[in-house]
C-alpha cells in the first residue's frame, strides 16, 4: 500500500490536494454530512473525491478535505474540472466516530455516482448513524 494511501486512511490531509475555499466560484458538486443519530451536522469528517479513469478503471484522486462545522465541504471541484464520468466520494467514518469516543460498523462510506451532464448542479448528502447510512441525489 502506498504511503499516500496510508496517510489518506489515517485521515491526514496532504496540502497539495487539500480543498480550499473558492470564493465566488461555487462547486458544481456539493455534499453535506448529517449525523442522524444525534441530529447534528457531521463536522470534522475527512473525505476524498475521486474520478474513475475510463481506460483503466483506476480511481484518480481529485482532492481531499474535511467537513466544516455545518457538515459541508465547500469547493470540492471546479466547473472546469467537472467532466462527465464516474466519481466517488470517500468518507472516513471510523475516524469521525472515534473522535467522539464511539465505534462504527462502517469504517468508511463510499458513494459512487455517474455524472452525465456536468452543467447541472449535483448535491450528494450522507445521512449517517453508527450502524446505518443513506444518500440520495439532491439539488
Protein backbone atom coordinates (compact mmCIF):
# COMPACT_ATOMS: atom_id res chain seq x y z
CA UNK A 1 0.00 0.00 0.00
CA UNK A 2 1.37 3.42 -0.93
CA UNK A 3 2.42 5.98 1.67
CA UNK A 4 -0.18 8.36 0.22
CA UNK A 5 -2.95 5.79 0.69
CA UNK A 6 -1.81 5.06 4.26
CA UNK A 7 -1.89 8.78 5.08
CA UNK A 8 -5.29 9.02 3.49
CA UNK A 9 -6.65 6.10 5.53
CA UNK A 10 -5.31 7.69 8.70
CA UNK A 11 -7.26 10.84 7.83
CA UNK A 12 -4.24 13.00 7.09
CA UNK A 13 -4.85 15.75 4.59
CA UNK A 14 -1.99 16.45 2.25
CA UNK A 15 -1.56 20.16 1.47
CA UNK A 16 -1.16 19.61 -2.28
CA UNK A 17 -4.67 18.13 -2.50
CA UNK A 18 -6.38 19.95 0.35
CA UNK A 19 -9.65 21.64 -0.50
CA UNK A 20 -9.53 25.39 -0.26
CA UNK A 21 -12.45 27.75 -0.42
CA UNK A 22 -13.21 29.02 -3.92
CA UNK A 23 -14.70 32.43 -3.20
CA UNK A 24 -17.07 33.45 -5.97
CA UNK A 25 -16.72 30.09 -7.69
CA UNK A 26 -19.32 27.64 -6.34
CA UNK A 27 -18.63 23.96 -6.82
CA UNK A 28 -21.00 22.12 -9.18
CA UNK A 29 -20.74 19.19 -6.74
CA UNK A 30 -21.63 19.57 -3.07
CA UNK A 31 -22.04 17.26 -0.09
CA UNK A 32 -23.48 17.55 3.39
CA UNK A 33 -22.94 15.03 6.19
CA UNK A 34 -25.71 14.77 8.77
CA UNK A 35 -25.34 12.71 11.94
CA UNK A 36 -28.93 11.49 12.17
CA UNK A 37 -28.27 9.62 15.43
CA UNK A 38 -27.53 12.89 17.22
CA UNK A 39 -29.42 15.31 14.97
CA UNK A 40 -26.28 17.34 14.25
CA UNK A 41 -24.04 18.11 11.27
CA UNK A 42 -21.23 15.62 10.65
CA UNK A 43 -18.44 18.11 11.25
CA UNK A 44 -14.70 17.49 11.01
CA UNK A 45 -15.02 14.36 8.82
CA UNK A 46 -12.22 13.65 6.36
CA UNK A 47 -13.33 12.94 2.82
CA UNK A 48 -11.83 12.42 -0.62
CA UNK A 49 -13.18 12.90 -4.13
CA UNK A 50 -12.07 10.60 -6.96
CA UNK A 51 -12.85 10.20 -10.64
CA UNK A 52 -12.60 6.84 -12.38
CA UNK A 53 -10.25 6.61 -15.34
CA UNK A 54 -12.43 5.06 -18.09
CA UNK A 55 -9.48 3.35 -19.78
CA UNK A 56 -8.11 1.58 -16.69
CA UNK A 57 -11.00 1.73 -14.16
CA UNK A 58 -8.45 3.09 -11.64
CA UNK A 59 -9.55 5.86 -9.29
CA UNK A 60 -7.76 9.19 -9.70
CA UNK A 61 -7.74 11.39 -6.60
CA UNK A 62 -9.11 14.86 -7.30
CA UNK A 63 -8.99 16.36 -3.82
CA UNK A 64 -9.28 15.74 -0.09
CA UNK A 65 -10.85 17.82 2.62
CA UNK A 66 -12.70 17.94 5.91
CA UNK A 67 -16.30 18.90 6.57
CA UNK A 68 -16.84 22.23 8.30
CA UNK A 69 -18.97 22.93 11.41
CA UNK A 70 -22.11 22.66 9.27
CA UNK A 71 -21.09 19.25 7.88
CA UNK A 72 -20.33 20.70 4.45
CA UNK A 73 -17.16 20.68 2.37
CA UNK A 74 -17.23 23.67 0.02
CA UNK A 75 -15.11 23.82 -3.10
CA UNK A 76 -14.98 20.11 -3.96
CA UNK A 77 -14.28 20.64 -7.65
CA UNK A 78 -14.21 23.49 -10.14
CA UNK A 79 -16.63 23.65 -13.05
CA UNK A 80 -13.64 23.36 -15.40
CA UNK A 81 -12.50 20.04 -13.87
CA UNK A 82 -16.05 18.66 -13.59
CA UNK A 83 -16.41 16.44 -16.64
CA UNK A 84 -18.72 13.53 -17.48
CA UNK A 85 -17.69 10.30 -15.80
CA UNK A 86 -17.90 8.12 -12.73
CA UNK A 87 -17.00 9.74 -9.40
CA UNK A 88 -16.56 8.51 -5.85
CA UNK A 89 -16.86 10.35 -2.55
CA UNK A 90 -14.97 8.53 0.24
CA UNK A 91 -15.92 9.49 3.81
CA UNK A 92 -13.69 8.44 6.74
CA UNK A 93 -16.45 7.50 9.17
CA UNK A 94 -14.26 5.46 11.56
CA UNK A 95 -12.13 8.49 12.42
CA UNK A 96 -15.24 10.65 12.77
CA UNK A 97 -16.89 8.30 15.29
CA UNK A 98 -13.61 7.64 17.11
CA UNK A 99 -13.20 11.40 17.66
CA UNK A 100 -16.44 11.22 19.69
CA UNK A 101 -15.37 8.11 21.62
CA UNK A 102 -17.64 5.85 19.57
CA UNK A 103 -17.19 2.91 17.22
CA UNK A 104 -18.98 2.31 13.96
CA UNK A 105 -19.99 -0.69 11.92
CA UNK A 106 -18.79 1.07 8.75
CA UNK A 107 -15.12 2.17 8.80
CA UNK A 108 -15.76 4.28 5.72
CA UNK A 109 -18.56 5.08 3.30
CA UNK A 110 -18.03 5.34 -0.43
CA UNK A 111 -20.69 6.82 -2.66
CA UNK A 112 -20.13 6.12 -6.36
CA UNK A 113 -22.17 8.06 -8.90
CA UNK A 114 -22.24 8.94 -12.59
CA UNK A 115 -22.16 12.47 -13.99
CA UNK A 116 -23.64 12.71 -17.48
CA UNK A 117 -24.33 16.43 -17.63
CA UNK A 118 -21.68 18.46 -15.77
CA UNK A 119 -23.58 21.70 -16.45
CA UNK A 120 -26.09 20.65 -13.76
CA UNK A 121 -25.57 21.07 -10.02
CA UNK A 122 -25.22 17.84 -8.03
CA UNK A 123 -25.70 17.53 -4.27
CA UNK A 124 -24.73 14.20 -2.67
CA UNK A 125 -25.62 14.18 1.06
CA UNK A 126 -24.66 11.47 3.54
CA UNK A 127 -27.14 10.71 6.34
CA UNK A 128 -25.19 8.78 8.94
CA UNK A 129 -25.51 6.86 12.20
CA UNK A 130 -23.10 4.35 13.75
CA UNK A 131 -24.94 1.40 12.18
CA UNK A 132 -26.53 2.79 9.03
CA UNK A 133 -26.24 5.37 6.30
CA UNK A 134 -28.20 6.59 3.32
CA UNK A 135 -27.72 9.01 0.47
CA UNK A 136 -29.62 10.50 -2.43
CA UNK A 137 -29.11 12.95 -5.26
CA UNK A 138 -30.22 16.34 -4.10
CA UNK A 139 -30.21 19.65 -5.90
